[in-house]
């Protein structure tokens, strides 16, 4: 086989190979009532089942995947106590991610996490 043919086949295989995301995280919101919603988020490239994957990946990139550093948004939330627990497990650029926090309600969870958990 000619060297140029081998190079061409190698290039085609490299292009055809699926990209593995640099980050893969499972995000879950669980209400005290037991209702649970989970999505997957993949970044670099953005994907998964999160409805706003690209925006959420940009938000997490701005804090280097540190959920504790997510900026709060100025959102008016009702003062209704309906607690939810937000969790995130997976990896961000080869670093493990383990986040767990309880919020007064879904609106507060979204406001305090730059809407990363806004997938309901």
PDB file of N, CA and C in Angstrom:
ATOM      1  N   UNK A   1       0.861  -1.175   0.000  1.00  0.00           N
ATOM      2  CA  UNK A   1       0.000   0.000   0.000  1.00  0.00           C
ATOM      3  C   UNK A   1       0.904   1.234   0.000  1.00  0.00           C
ATOM      4  N   UNK A   2       0.566   2.179  -0.816  1.00  0.00           N
ATOM      5  CA  UNK A   2       1.376   3.389  -0.933  1.00  0.00           C
ATOM      6  C   UNK A   2       1.236   4.234   0.326  1.00  0.00           C
ATOM      7  N   UNK A   3       2.286   4.964   0.625  1.00  0.00           N
ATOM      8  CA  UNK A   3       2.302   5.815   1.810  1.00  0.00           C
ATOM      9  C   UNK A   3       1.186   6.848   1.764  1.00  0.00           C
ATOM     10  N   UNK A   4       0.899   7.393   0.586  1.00  0.00           N
ATOM     11  CA  UNK A   4      -0.169   8.392   0.466  1.00  0.00           C
ATOM     12  C   UNK A   4      -1.534   7.774   0.754  1.00  0.00           C
ATOM     13  N   UNK A   5      -1.729   6.516   0.403  1.00  0.00           N
ATOM     14  CA  UNK A   5      -2.993   5.834   0.675  1.00  0.00           C
ATOM     15  C   UNK A   5      -3.159   5.624   2.177  1.00  0.00           C
ATOM     16  N   UNK A   6      -2.084   5.207   2.849  1.00  0.00           N
ATOM     17  CA  UNK A   6      -2.125   5.015   4.291  1.00  0.00           C
ATOM     18  C   UNK A   6      -2.438   6.330   4.989  1.00  0.00           C
ATOM     19  N   UNK A   7      -1.823   7.413   4.551  1.00  0.00           N
ATOM     20  CA  UNK A   7      -2.076   8.732   5.134  1.00  0.00           C
ATOM     21  C   UNK A   7      -3.521   9.143   4.918  1.00  0.00           C
ATOM     22  N   UNK A   8      -4.066   8.881   3.743  1.00  0.00           N
ATOM     23  CA  UNK A   8      -5.454   9.243   3.450  1.00  0.00           C
ATOM     24  C   UNK A   8      -6.417   8.461   4.327  1.00  0.00           C
ATOM     25  N   UNK A   9      -6.171   7.152   4.499  1.00  0.00           N
ATOM     26  CA  UNK A   9      -7.035   6.325   5.336  1.00  0.00           C
ATOM     27  C   UNK A   9      -6.942   6.787   6.794  1.00  0.00           C
ATOM     28  N   UNK A  10      -5.766   7.083   7.282  1.00  0.00           N
ATOM     29  CA  UNK A  10      -5.595   7.563   8.657  1.00  0.00           C
ATOM     30  C   UNK A  10      -6.328   8.871   8.874  1.00  0.00           C
ATOM     31  N   UNK A  11      -6.282   9.764   7.914  1.00  0.00           N
ATOM     32  CA  UNK A  11      -6.992  11.047   8.018  1.00  0.00           C
ATOM     33  C   UNK A  11      -8.493  10.818   8.067  1.00  0.00           C
ATOM     34  N   UNK A  12      -9.006   9.923   7.218  1.00  0.00           N
ATOM     35  CA  UNK A  12     -10.447   9.636   7.201  1.00  0.00           C
ATOM     36  C   UNK A  12     -10.890   9.039   8.533  1.00  0.00           C
ATOM     37  N   UNK A  13     -10.095   8.148   9.097  1.00  0.00           N
ATOM     38  CA  UNK A  13     -10.448   7.551  10.381  1.00  0.00           C
ATOM     39  C   UNK A  13     -10.441   8.585  11.494  1.00  0.00           C
ATOM     40  N   UNK A  14      -9.500   9.483  11.475  1.00  0.00           N
ATOM     41  CA  UNK A  14      -9.433  10.532  12.491  1.00  0.00           C
ATOM     42  C   UNK A  14     -10.639  11.449  12.409  1.00  0.00           C
ATOM     43  N   UNK A  15     -11.069  11.774  11.201  1.00  0.00           N
ATOM     44  CA  UNK A  15     -12.228  12.643  11.019  1.00  0.00           C
ATOM     45  C   UNK A  15     -13.505  11.907  11.376  1.00  0.00           C
ATOM     46  N   UNK A  16     -13.602  10.625  11.072  1.00  0.00           N
ATOM     47  CA  UNK A  16     -14.817   9.854  11.308  1.00  0.00           C
ATOM     48  C   UNK A  16     -14.974   9.429  12.758  1.00  0.00           C
ATOM     49  N   UNK A  17     -13.904   9.419  13.531  1.00  0.00           N
ATOM     50  CA  UNK A  17     -13.984   8.983  14.923  1.00  0.00           C
ATOM     51  C   UNK A  17     -14.829   9.950  15.732  1.00  0.00           C
ATOM     52  N   UNK A  18     -15.738   9.425  16.568  1.00  0.00           N
ATOM     53  CA  UNK A  18     -16.564  10.322  17.373  1.00  0.00           C
ATOM     54  C   UNK A  18     -15.717  11.066  18.391  1.00  0.00           C
ATOM     55  N   UNK A  19     -16.060  12.317  18.589  1.00  0.00           N
ATOM     56  CA  UNK A  19     -15.343  13.135  19.572  1.00  0.00           C
ATOM     57  C   UNK A  19     -15.816  12.757  20.968  1.00  0.00           C
ATOM     58  N   UNK A  20     -14.892  12.542  21.885  1.00  0.00           N
ATOM     59  CA  UNK A  20     -15.246  12.282  23.275  1.00  0.00           C
ATOM     60  C   UNK A  20     -15.262  13.619  23.994  1.00  0.00           C
ATOM     61  N   UNK A  21     -16.361  13.914  24.688  1.00  0.00           N
ATOM     62  CA  UNK A  21     -16.422  15.210  25.365  1.00  0.00           C
ATOM     63  C   UNK A  21     -15.356  15.329  26.446  1.00  0.00           C
ATOM     64  N   UNK A  22     -14.825  16.523  26.571  1.00  0.00           N
ATOM     65  CA  UNK A  22     -13.825  16.788  27.610  1.00  0.00           C
ATOM     66  C   UNK A  22     -14.470  16.787  28.989  1.00  0.00           C
ATOM     67  N   UNK A  23     -15.787  17.014  29.025  1.00  0.00           N
ATOM     68  CA  UNK A  23     -16.512  17.060  30.295  1.00  0.00           C
ATOM     69  C   UNK A  23     -17.847  16.352  30.138  1.00  0.00           C
ATOM     70  N   UNK A  24     -18.228  15.601  31.147  1.00  0.00           N
ATOM     71  CA  UNK A  24     -19.506  14.895  31.141  1.00  0.00           C
ATOM     72  C   UNK A  24     -20.043  14.891  32.571  1.00  0.00           C
ATOM     73  N   UNK A  25     -21.232  15.481  32.747  1.00  0.00           N
ATOM     74  CA  UNK A  25     -21.799  15.665  34.083  1.00  0.00           C
ATOM     75  C   UNK A  25     -23.272  15.298  34.063  1.00  0.00           C
ATOM     76  N   UNK A  26     -23.731  14.611  35.096  1.00  0.00           N
ATOM     77  CA  UNK A  26     -25.158  14.353  35.281  1.00  0.00           C
ATOM     78  C   UNK A  26     -25.675  15.358  36.294  1.00  0.00           C
ATOM     79  N   UNK A  27     -26.678  16.131  35.881  1.00  0.00           N
ATOM     80  CA  UNK A  27     -27.295  17.147  36.737  1.00  0.00           C
ATOM     81  C   UNK A  27     -28.672  16.654  37.159  1.00  0.00           C
ATOM     82  N   UNK A  28     -28.975  16.763  38.447  1.00  0.00           N
ATOM     83  CA  UNK A  28     -30.256  16.281  38.963  1.00  0.00           C
ATOM     84  C   UNK A  28     -30.864  17.306  39.900  1.00  0.00           C
ATOM     85  N   UNK A  29     -32.171  17.488  39.781  1.00  0.00           N
ATOM     86  CA  UNK A  29     -32.950  18.283  40.742  1.00  0.00           C
ATOM     87  C   UNK A  29     -33.975  17.344  41.358  1.00  0.00           C
ATOM     88  N   UNK A  30     -33.951  17.222  42.684  1.00  0.00           N
ATOM     89  CA  UNK A  30     -34.897  16.359  43.377  1.00  0.00           C
ATOM     90  C   UNK A  30     -35.684  17.196  44.369  1.00  0.00           C
ATOM     91  N   UNK A  31     -37.006  17.183  44.214  1.00  0.00           N
ATOM     92  CA  UNK A  31     -37.878  17.902  45.141  1.00  0.00           C
ATOM     93  C   UNK A  31     -38.107  17.049  46.374  1.00  0.00           C
ATOM     94  N   UNK A  32     -38.425  17.686  47.492  1.00  0.00           N
ATOM     95  CA  UNK A  32     -38.736  16.938  48.715  1.00  0.00           C
ATOM     96  C   UNK A  32     -39.920  16.004  48.505  1.00  0.00           C
ATOM     97  N   UNK A  33     -40.797  16.339  47.554  1.00  0.00           N
ATOM     98  CA  UNK A  33     -41.953  15.487  47.254  1.00  0.00           C
ATOM     99  C   UNK A  33     -41.526  14.190  46.586  1.00  0.00           C
ATOM    100  N   UNK A  34     -40.276  14.131  46.125  1.00  0.00           N
ATOM    101  CA  UNK A  34     -39.780  12.926  45.471  1.00  0.00           C
ATOM    102  C   UNK A  34     -39.627  13.062  43.974  1.00  0.00           C
ATOM    103  N   UNK A  35     -40.244  14.085  43.385  1.00  0.00           N
ATOM    104  CA  UNK A  35     -40.124  14.291  41.941  1.00  0.00           C
ATOM    105  C   UNK A  35     -38.665  14.598  41.595  1.00  0.00           C
ATOM    106  N   UNK A  36     -38.145  13.885  40.619  1.00  0.00           N
ATOM    107  CA  UNK A  36     -36.738  14.028  40.247  1.00  0.00           C
ATOM    108  C   UNK A  36     -36.621  14.239  38.743  1.00  0.00           C
ATOM    109  N   UNK A  37     -35.760  15.178  38.374  1.00  0.00           N
ATOM    110  CA  UNK A  37     -35.448  15.433  36.970  1.00  0.00           C
ATOM    111  C   UNK A  37     -33.943  15.389  36.813  1.00  0.00           C
ATOM    112  N   UNK A  38     -33.477  14.619  35.823  1.00  0.00           N
ATOM    113  CA  UNK A  38     -32.045  14.521  35.555  1.00  0.00           C
ATOM    114  C   UNK A  38     -31.769  14.740  34.080  1.00  0.00           C
ATOM    115  N   UNK A  39     -30.626  15.353  33.805  1.00  0.00           N
ATOM    116  CA  UNK A  39     -30.152  15.523  32.437  1.00  0.00           C
ATOM    117  C   UNK A  39     -28.655  15.251  32.416  1.00  0.00           C
ATOM    118  N   UNK A  40     -28.145  15.000  31.229  1.00  0.00           N
ATOM    119  CA  UNK A  40     -26.703  14.878  31.061  1.00  0.00           C
ATOM    120  C   UNK A  40     -26.203  16.121  30.349  1.00  0.00           C
ATOM    121  N   UNK A  41     -24.994  16.511  30.686  1.00  0.00           N
ATOM    122  CA  UNK A  41     -24.357  17.663  30.050  1.00  0.00           C
ATOM    123  C   UNK A  41     -22.969  17.241  29.605  1.00  0.00           C
ATOM    124  N   UNK A  42     -22.681  17.441  28.350  1.00  0.00           N
ATOM    125  CA  UNK A  42     -21.345  17.191  27.814  1.00  0.00           C
ATOM    126  C   UNK A  42     -20.821  18.506  27.263  1.00  0.00           C
ATOM    127  N   UNK A  43     -19.547  18.743  27.476  1.00  0.00           N
ATOM    128  CA  UNK A  43     -18.931  19.977  26.990  1.00  0.00           C
ATOM    129  C   UNK A  43     -17.660  19.643  26.222  1.00  0.00           C
ATOM    130  N   UNK A  44     -17.376  20.480  25.256  1.00  0.00           N
ATOM    131  CA  UNK A  44     -16.200  20.337  24.382  1.00  0.00           C
ATOM    132  C   UNK A  44     -16.207  19.027  23.628  1.00  0.00           C
ATOM    133  N   UNK A  45     -17.183  18.791  22.787  1.00  0.00           N
ATOM    134  CA  UNK A  45     -18.232  19.683  22.303  1.00  0.00           C
ATOM    135  C   UNK A  45     -19.493  19.611  23.177  1.00  0.00           C
ATOM    136  N   UNK A  46     -20.318  20.684  23.137  1.00  0.00           N
ATOM    137  CA  UNK A  46     -21.560  20.698  23.907  1.00  0.00           C
ATOM    138  C   UNK A  46     -22.531  19.634  23.408  1.00  0.00           C
ATOM    139  N   UNK A  47     -23.197  18.994  24.347  1.00  0.00           N
ATOM    140  CA  UNK A  47     -24.176  17.973  23.985  1.00  0.00           C
ATOM    141  C   UNK A  47     -24.845  17.430  25.223  1.00  0.00           C
ATOM    142  N   UNK A  48     -25.412  16.253  25.087  1.00  0.00           N
ATOM    143  CA  UNK A  48     -26.162  15.635  26.172  1.00  0.00           C
ATOM    144  C   UNK A  48     -27.625  16.010  26.076  1.00  0.00           C
ATOM    145  N   UNK A  49     -28.375  15.712  27.132  1.00  0.00           N
ATOM    146  CA  UNK A  49     -29.816  15.974  27.111  1.00  0.00           C
ATOM    147  C   UNK A  49     -30.200  17.311  27.731  1.00  0.00           C
ATOM    148  N   UNK A  50     -29.237  18.101  28.203  1.00  0.00           N
ATOM    149  CA  UNK A  50     -29.541  19.421  28.761  1.00  0.00           C
ATOM    150  C   UNK A  50     -30.066  20.309  27.630  1.00  0.00           C
ATOM    151  N   UNK A  51     -31.231  20.957  27.806  1.00  0.00           N
ATOM    152  CA  UNK A  51     -31.815  21.757  26.718  1.00  0.00           C
ATOM    153  C   UNK A  51     -31.001  23.000  26.342  1.00  0.00           C
ATOM    154  N   UNK A  52     -30.146  23.465  27.217  1.00  0.00           N
ATOM    155  CA  UNK A  52     -29.304  24.635  26.952  1.00  0.00           C
ATOM    156  C   UNK A  52     -27.832  24.258  27.115  1.00  0.00           C
ATOM    157  N   UNK A  53     -27.414  23.180  26.474  1.00  0.00           N
ATOM    158  CA  UNK A  53     -26.059  22.639  26.680  1.00  0.00           C
ATOM    159  C   UNK A  53     -24.972  23.659  26.362  1.00  0.00           C
ATOM    160  N   UNK A  54     -25.051  24.323  25.231  1.00  0.00           N
ATOM    161  CA  UNK A  54     -23.981  25.256  24.840  1.00  0.00           C
ATOM    162  C   UNK A  54     -23.856  26.405  25.846  1.00  0.00           C
ATOM    163  N   UNK A  55     -24.989  26.997  26.238  1.00  0.00           N
ATOM    164  CA  UNK A  55     -24.966  28.099  27.211  1.00  0.00           C
ATOM    165  C   UNK A  55     -24.435  27.618  28.550  1.00  0.00           C
ATOM    166  N   UNK A  56     -24.880  26.447  28.991  1.00  0.00           N
ATOM    167  CA  UNK A  56     -24.460  25.920  30.278  1.00  0.00           C
ATOM    168  C   UNK A  56     -22.968  25.580  30.267  1.00  0.00           C
ATOM    169  N   UNK A  57     -22.470  25.052  29.160  1.00  0.00           N
ATOM    170  CA  UNK A  57     -21.033  24.770  29.054  1.00  0.00           C
ATOM    171  C   UNK A  57     -20.217  26.061  29.138  1.00  0.00           C
ATOM    172  N   UNK A  58     -20.704  27.116  28.487  1.00  0.00           N
ATOM    173  CA  UNK A  58     -20.002  28.409  28.572  1.00  0.00           C
ATOM    174  C   UNK A  58     -19.991  28.922  30.006  1.00  0.00           C
ATOM    175  N   UNK A  59     -21.120  28.786  30.687  1.00  0.00           N
ATOM    176  CA  UNK A  59     -21.212  29.244  32.078  1.00  0.00           C
ATOM    177  C   UNK A  59     -20.230  28.473  32.956  1.00  0.00           C
ATOM    178  N   UNK A  60     -20.209  27.154  32.815  1.00  0.00           N
ATOM    179  CA  UNK A  60     -19.287  26.351  33.625  1.00  0.00           C
ATOM    180  C   UNK A  60     -17.834  26.625  33.257  1.00  0.00           C
ATOM    181  N   UNK A  61     -17.565  26.876  31.991  1.00  0.00           N
ATOM    182  CA  UNK A  61     -16.191  27.198  31.574  1.00  0.00           C
ATOM    183  C   UNK A  61     -15.719  28.491  32.235  1.00  0.00           C
ATOM    184  N   UNK A  62     -16.641  29.435  32.433  1.00  0.00           N
ATOM    185  CA  UNK A  62     -16.260  30.715  33.037  1.00  0.00           C
ATOM    186  C   UNK A  62     -15.814  30.566  34.492  1.00  0.00           C
ATOM    187  N   UNK A  63     -16.218  29.454  35.148  1.00  0.00           N
ATOM    188  CA  UNK A  63     -15.811  29.206  36.534  1.00  0.00           C
ATOM    189  C   UNK A  63     -14.944  27.940  36.630  1.00  0.00           C
ATOM    190  N   UNK A  64     -14.418  27.508  35.494  1.00  0.00           N
ATOM    191  CA  UNK A  64     -13.534  26.336  35.429  1.00  0.00           C
ATOM    192  C   UNK A  64     -14.177  25.091  36.025  1.00  0.00           C
ATOM    193  N   UNK A  65     -15.505  24.950  35.809  1.00  0.00           N
ATOM    194  CA  UNK A  65     -16.224  23.767  36.268  1.00  0.00           C
ATOM    195  C   UNK A  65     -16.485  23.704  37.758  1.00  0.00           C
ATOM    196  N   UNK A  66     -16.243  24.798  38.465  1.00  0.00           N
ATOM    197  CA  UNK A  66     -16.431  24.839  39.921  1.00  0.00           C
ATOM    198  C   UNK A  66     -17.847  25.331  40.233  1.00  0.00           C
ATOM    199  N   UNK A  67     -18.748  24.415  40.567  1.00  0.00           N
ATOM    200  CA  UNK A  67     -20.141  24.760  40.824  1.00  0.00           C
ATOM    201  C   UNK A  67     -20.282  25.726  41.993  1.00  0.00           C
ATOM    202  N   UNK A  68     -19.378  25.691  42.933  1.00  0.00           N
ATOM    203  CA  UNK A  68     -19.406  26.604  44.068  1.00  0.00           C
ATOM    204  C   UNK A  68     -19.117  28.047  43.696  1.00  0.00           C
ATOM    205  N   UNK A  69     -18.566  28.268  42.504  1.00  0.00           N
ATOM    206  CA  UNK A  69     -18.248  29.627  42.053  1.00  0.00           C
ATOM    207  C   UNK A  69     -19.244  30.158  41.021  1.00  0.00           C
ATOM    208  N   UNK A  70     -20.330  29.438  40.772  1.00  0.00           N
ATOM    209  CA  UNK A  70     -21.312  29.920  39.802  1.00  0.00           C
ATOM    210  C   UNK A  70     -21.901  31.243  40.273  1.00  0.00           C
ATOM    211  N   UNK A  71     -21.988  32.216  39.389  1.00  0.00           N
ATOM    212  CA  UNK A  71     -22.518  33.521  39.803  1.00  0.00           C
ATOM    213  C   UNK A  71     -24.034  33.483  39.981  1.00  0.00           C
ATOM    214  N   UNK A  72     -24.507  34.183  40.980  1.00  0.00           N
ATOM    215  CA  UNK A  72     -25.950  34.292  41.201  1.00  0.00           C
ATOM    216  C   UNK A  72     -26.530  35.274  40.196  1.00  0.00           C
ATOM    217  N   UNK A  73     -27.754  34.994  39.773  1.00  0.00           N
ATOM    218  CA  UNK A  73     -28.467  35.889  38.862  1.00  0.00           C
ATOM    219  C   UNK A  73     -29.527  36.641  39.656  1.00  0.00           C
ATOM    220  N   UNK A  74     -29.836  37.827  39.193  1.00  0.00           N
ATOM    221  CA  UNK A  74     -30.877  38.638  39.834  1.00  0.00           C
ATOM    222  C   UNK A  74     -32.231  38.221  39.259  1.00  0.00           C
ATOM    223  N   UNK A  75     -32.867  37.268  39.913  1.00  0.00           N
ATOM    224  CA  UNK A  75     -34.169  36.746  39.492  1.00  0.00           C
ATOM    225  C   UNK A  75     -35.126  36.906  40.659  1.00  0.00           C
ATOM    226  N   UNK A  76     -36.311  37.428  40.383  1.00  0.00           N
ATOM    227  CA  UNK A  76     -37.344  37.542  41.413  1.00  0.00           C
ATOM    228  C   UNK A  76     -37.980  36.170  41.599  1.00  0.00           C
ATOM    229  N   UNK A  77     -37.848  35.612  42.792  1.00  0.00           N
ATOM    230  CA  UNK A  77     -38.387  34.287  43.081  1.00  0.00           C
ATOM    231  C   UNK A  77     -39.507  34.393  44.117  1.00  0.00           C
ATOM    232  N   UNK A  78     -40.520  33.534  43.990  1.00  0.00           N
ATOM    233  CA  UNK A  78     -41.575  33.536  45.004  1.00  0.00           C
ATOM    234  C   UNK A  78     -41.035  33.023  46.326  1.00  0.00           C
ATOM    235  N   UNK A  79     -41.602  33.498  47.399  1.00  0.00           N
ATOM    236  CA  UNK A  79     -41.162  33.068  48.725  1.00  0.00           C
ATOM    237  C   UNK A  79     -41.990  31.860  49.164  1.00  0.00           C
ATOM    238  N   UNK A  80     -41.978  30.854  48.330  1.00  0.00           N
ATOM    239  CA  UNK A  80     -42.695  29.609  48.610  1.00  0.00           C
ATOM    240  C   UNK A  80     -41.646  28.553  48.940  1.00  0.00           C
ATOM    241  N   UNK A  81     -41.807  27.925  50.094  1.00  0.00           N
ATOM    242  CA  UNK A  81     -40.850  26.904  50.494  1.00  0.00           C
ATOM    243  C   UNK A  81     -41.249  25.575  49.863  1.00  0.00           C
ATOM    244  N   UNK A  82     -40.494  25.180  48.860  1.00  0.00           N
ATOM    245  CA  UNK A  82     -40.678  23.900  48.167  1.00  0.00           C
ATOM    246  C   UNK A  82     -39.277  23.399  47.844  1.00  0.00           C
ATOM    247  N   UNK A  83     -38.564  22.917  48.859  1.00  0.00           N
ATOM    248  CA  UNK A  83     -37.136  22.633  48.708  1.00  0.00           C
ATOM    249  C   UNK A  83     -36.804  21.634  47.604  1.00  0.00           C
ATOM    250  N   UNK A  84     -35.678  21.915  46.961  1.00  0.00           N
ATOM    251  CA  UNK A  84     -35.119  21.023  45.949  1.00  0.00           C
ATOM    252  C   UNK A  84     -33.640  20.831  46.261  1.00  0.00           C
ATOM    253  N   UNK A  85     -33.152  19.674  45.923  1.00  0.00           N
ATOM    254  CA  UNK A  85     -31.733  19.377  46.078  1.00  0.00           C
ATOM    255  C   UNK A  85     -31.123  19.253  44.688  1.00  0.00           C
ATOM    256  N   UNK A  86     -30.107  20.045  44.438  1.00  0.00           N
ATOM    257  CA  UNK A  86     -29.399  20.023  43.165  1.00  0.00           C
ATOM    258  C   UNK A  86     -28.109  19.233  43.343  1.00  0.00           C
ATOM    259  N   UNK A  87     -27.865  18.302  42.422  1.00  0.00           N
ATOM    260  CA  UNK A  87     -26.617  17.537  42.456  1.00  0.00           C
ATOM    261  C   UNK A  87     -25.996  17.523  41.071  1.00  0.00           C
ATOM    262  N   UNK A  88     -24.693  17.428  41.057  1.00  0.00           N
ATOM    263  CA  UNK A  88     -23.930  17.310  39.813  1.00  0.00           C
ATOM    264  C   UNK A  88     -22.794  16.332  40.060  1.00  0.00           C
ATOM    265  N   UNK A  89     -22.719  15.302  39.240  1.00  0.00           N
ATOM    266  CA  UNK A  89     -21.653  14.300  39.353  1.00  0.00           C
ATOM    267  C   UNK A  89     -21.100  13.996  37.978  1.00  0.00           C
ATOM    268  N   UNK A  90     -19.809  13.851  37.899  1.00  0.00           N
ATOM    269  CA  UNK A  90     -19.165  13.511  36.640  1.00  0.00           C
ATOM    270  C   UNK A  90     -17.736  13.999  36.638  1.00  0.00           C
ATOM    271  N   UNK A  91     -17.318  14.531  35.473  1.00  0.00           N
ATOM    272  CA  UNK A  91     -15.959  15.085  35.391  1.00  0.00           C
ATOM    273  C   UNK A  91     -15.945  16.326  34.513  1.00  0.00           C
ATOM    274  N   UNK A  92     -15.094  17.250  34.888  1.00  0.00           N
ATOM    275  CA  UNK A  92     -14.864  18.483  34.139  1.00  0.00           C
ATOM    276  C   UNK A  92     -13.388  18.500  33.765  1.00  0.00           C
ATOM    277  N   UNK A  93     -13.086  18.301  32.498  1.00  0.00           N
ATOM    278  CA  UNK A  93     -11.705  18.261  32.012  1.00  0.00           C
ATOM    279  C   UNK A  93     -10.828  17.395  32.909  1.00  0.00           C
ATOM    280  N   UNK A  94     -11.243  16.147  33.091  1.00  0.00           N
ATOM    281  CA  UNK A  94     -10.513  15.119  33.836  1.00  0.00           C
ATOM    282  C   UNK A  94     -10.515  15.325  35.351  1.00  0.00           C
ATOM    283  N   UNK A  95     -11.167  16.371  35.850  1.00  0.00           N
ATOM    284  CA  UNK A  95     -11.289  16.564  37.298  1.00  0.00           C
ATOM    285  C   UNK A  95     -12.664  16.079  37.741  1.00  0.00           C
ATOM    286  N   UNK A  96     -12.738  15.341  38.842  1.00  0.00           N
ATOM    287  CA  UNK A  96     -14.049  14.878  39.306  1.00  0.00           C
ATOM    288  C   UNK A  96     -14.923  16.040  39.769  1.00  0.00           C
ATOM    289  N   UNK A  97     -16.209  15.914  39.503  1.00  0.00           N
ATOM    290  CA  UNK A  97     -17.202  16.899  39.938  1.00  0.00           C
ATOM    291  C   UNK A  97     -18.160  16.196  40.892  1.00  0.00           C
ATOM    292  N   UNK A  98     -18.366  16.771  42.055  1.00  0.00           N
ATOM    293  CA  UNK A  98     -19.343  16.272  43.020  1.00  0.00           C
ATOM    294  C   UNK A  98     -19.930  17.488  43.733  1.00  0.00           C
ATOM    295  N   UNK A  99     -21.148  17.856  43.350  1.00  0.00           N
ATOM    296  CA  UNK A  99     -21.812  19.032  43.907  1.00  0.00           C
ATOM    297  C   UNK A  99     -23.158  18.589  44.460  1.00  0.00           C
ATOM    298  N   UNK A 100     -23.518  19.102  45.646  1.00  0.00           N
ATOM    299  CA  UNK A 100     -24.780  18.754  46.291  1.00  0.00           C
ATOM    300  C   UNK A 100     -25.195  19.950  47.138  1.00  0.00           C
ATOM    301  N   UNK A 101     -26.377  20.519  46.838  1.00  0.00           N
ATOM    302  CA  UNK A 101     -26.829  21.677  47.610  1.00  0.00           C
ATOM    303  C   UNK A 101     -28.354  21.731  47.616  1.00  0.00           C
ATOM    304  N   UNK A 102     -28.924  22.137  48.745  1.00  0.00           N
ATOM    305  CA  UNK A 102     -30.378  22.295  48.848  1.00  0.00           C
ATOM    306  C   UNK A 102     -30.745  23.765  48.730  1.00  0.00           C
ATOM    307  N   UNK A 103     -31.825  24.033  47.982  1.00  0.00           N
ATOM    308  CA  UNK A 103     -32.331  25.392  47.772  1.00  0.00           C
ATOM    309  C   UNK A 103     -33.796  25.447  48.196  1.00  0.00           C
ATOM    310  N   UNK A 104     -34.295  26.637  48.491  1.00  0.00           N
ATOM    311  CA  UNK A 104     -35.671  26.813  48.975  1.00  0.00           C
ATOM    312  C   UNK A 104     -36.719  26.410  47.942  1.00  0.00           C
ATOM    313  N   UNK A 105     -36.423  26.584  46.659  1.00  0.00           N
ATOM    314  CA  UNK A 105     -37.327  26.168  45.590  1.00  0.00           C
ATOM    315  C   UNK A 105     -36.553  26.172  44.261  1.00  0.00           C
ATOM    316  N   UNK A 106     -37.198  25.747  43.183  1.00  0.00           N
ATOM    317  CA  UNK A 106     -36.530  25.657  41.876  1.00  0.00           C
ATOM    318  C   UNK A 106     -36.041  27.022  41.390  1.00  0.00           C
ATOM    319  N   UNK A 107     -36.825  28.038  41.601  1.00  0.00           N
ATOM    320  CA  UNK A 107     -36.436  29.377  41.165  1.00  0.00           C
ATOM    321  C   UNK A 107     -35.146  29.814  41.853  1.00  0.00           C
ATOM    322  N   UNK A 108     -35.051  29.583  43.144  1.00  0.00           N
ATOM    323  CA  UNK A 108     -33.843  29.951  43.886  1.00  0.00           C
ATOM    324  C   UNK A 108     -32.657  29.111  43.399  1.00  0.00           C
ATOM    325  N   UNK A 109     -32.885  27.838  43.125  1.00  0.00           N
ATOM    326  CA  UNK A 109     -31.813  26.988  42.592  1.00  0.00           C
ATOM    327  C   UNK A 109     -31.291  27.553  41.282  1.00  0.00           C
ATOM    328  N   UNK A 110     -32.192  27.967  40.404  1.00  0.00           N
ATOM    329  CA  UNK A 110     -31.773  28.550  39.130  1.00  0.00           C
ATOM    330  C   UNK A 110     -31.026  29.862  39.345  1.00  0.00           C
ATOM    331  N   UNK A 111     -31.554  30.702  40.229  1.00  0.00           N
ATOM    332  CA  UNK A 111     -30.927  32.008  40.474  1.00  0.00           C
ATOM    333  C   UNK A 111     -29.522  31.857  41.067  1.00  0.00           C
ATOM    334  N   UNK A 112     -29.350  30.913  41.970  1.00  0.00           N
ATOM    335  CA  UNK A 112     -28.071  30.766  42.658  1.00  0.00           C
ATOM    336  C   UNK A 112     -27.024  29.993  41.856  1.00  0.00           C
ATOM    337  N   UNK A 113     -27.436  29.354  40.750  1.00  0.00           N
ATOM    338  CA  UNK A 113     -26.498  28.554  39.959  1.00  0.00           C
ATOM    339  C   UNK A 113     -26.402  29.033  38.513  1.00  0.00           C
ATOM    340  N   UNK A 114     -26.684  30.307  38.272  1.00  0.00           N
ATOM    341  CA  UNK A 114     -26.614  30.883  36.921  1.00  0.00           C
ATOM    342  C   UNK A 114     -27.427  30.052  35.925  1.00  0.00           C
ATOM    343  N   UNK A 115     -28.539  29.508  36.379  1.00  0.00           N
ATOM    344  CA  UNK A 115     -29.477  28.726  35.568  1.00  0.00           C
ATOM    345  C   UNK A 115     -28.900  27.422  35.022  1.00  0.00           C
ATOM    346  N   UNK A 116     -27.811  26.926  35.597  1.00  0.00           N
ATOM    347  CA  UNK A 116     -27.255  25.646  35.174  1.00  0.00           C
ATOM    348  C   UNK A 116     -28.276  24.526  35.404  1.00  0.00           C
ATOM    349  N   UNK A 117     -29.076  24.642  36.472  1.00  0.00           N
ATOM    350  CA  UNK A 117     -30.068  23.617  36.777  1.00  0.00           C
ATOM    351  C   UNK A 117     -31.453  23.948  36.213  1.00  0.00           C
ATOM    352  N   UNK A 118     -31.517  24.845  35.259  1.00  0.00           N
ATOM    353  CA  UNK A 118     -32.788  25.209  34.621  1.00  0.00           C
ATOM    354  C   UNK A 118     -33.033  24.307  33.425  1.00  0.00           C
ATOM    355  N   UNK A 119     -33.513  23.108  33.677  1.00  0.00           N
ATOM    356  CA  UNK A 119     -33.802  22.166  32.613  1.00  0.00           C
ATOM    357  C   UNK A 119     -35.160  21.500  32.764  1.00  0.00           C
ATOM    358  N   UNK A 120     -35.972  22.025  33.648  1.00  0.00           N
ATOM    359  CA  UNK A 120     -37.296  21.425  33.859  1.00  0.00           C
ATOM    360  C   UNK A 120     -38.332  21.988  32.932  1.00  0.00           C
TER     361      UNK A 120
END
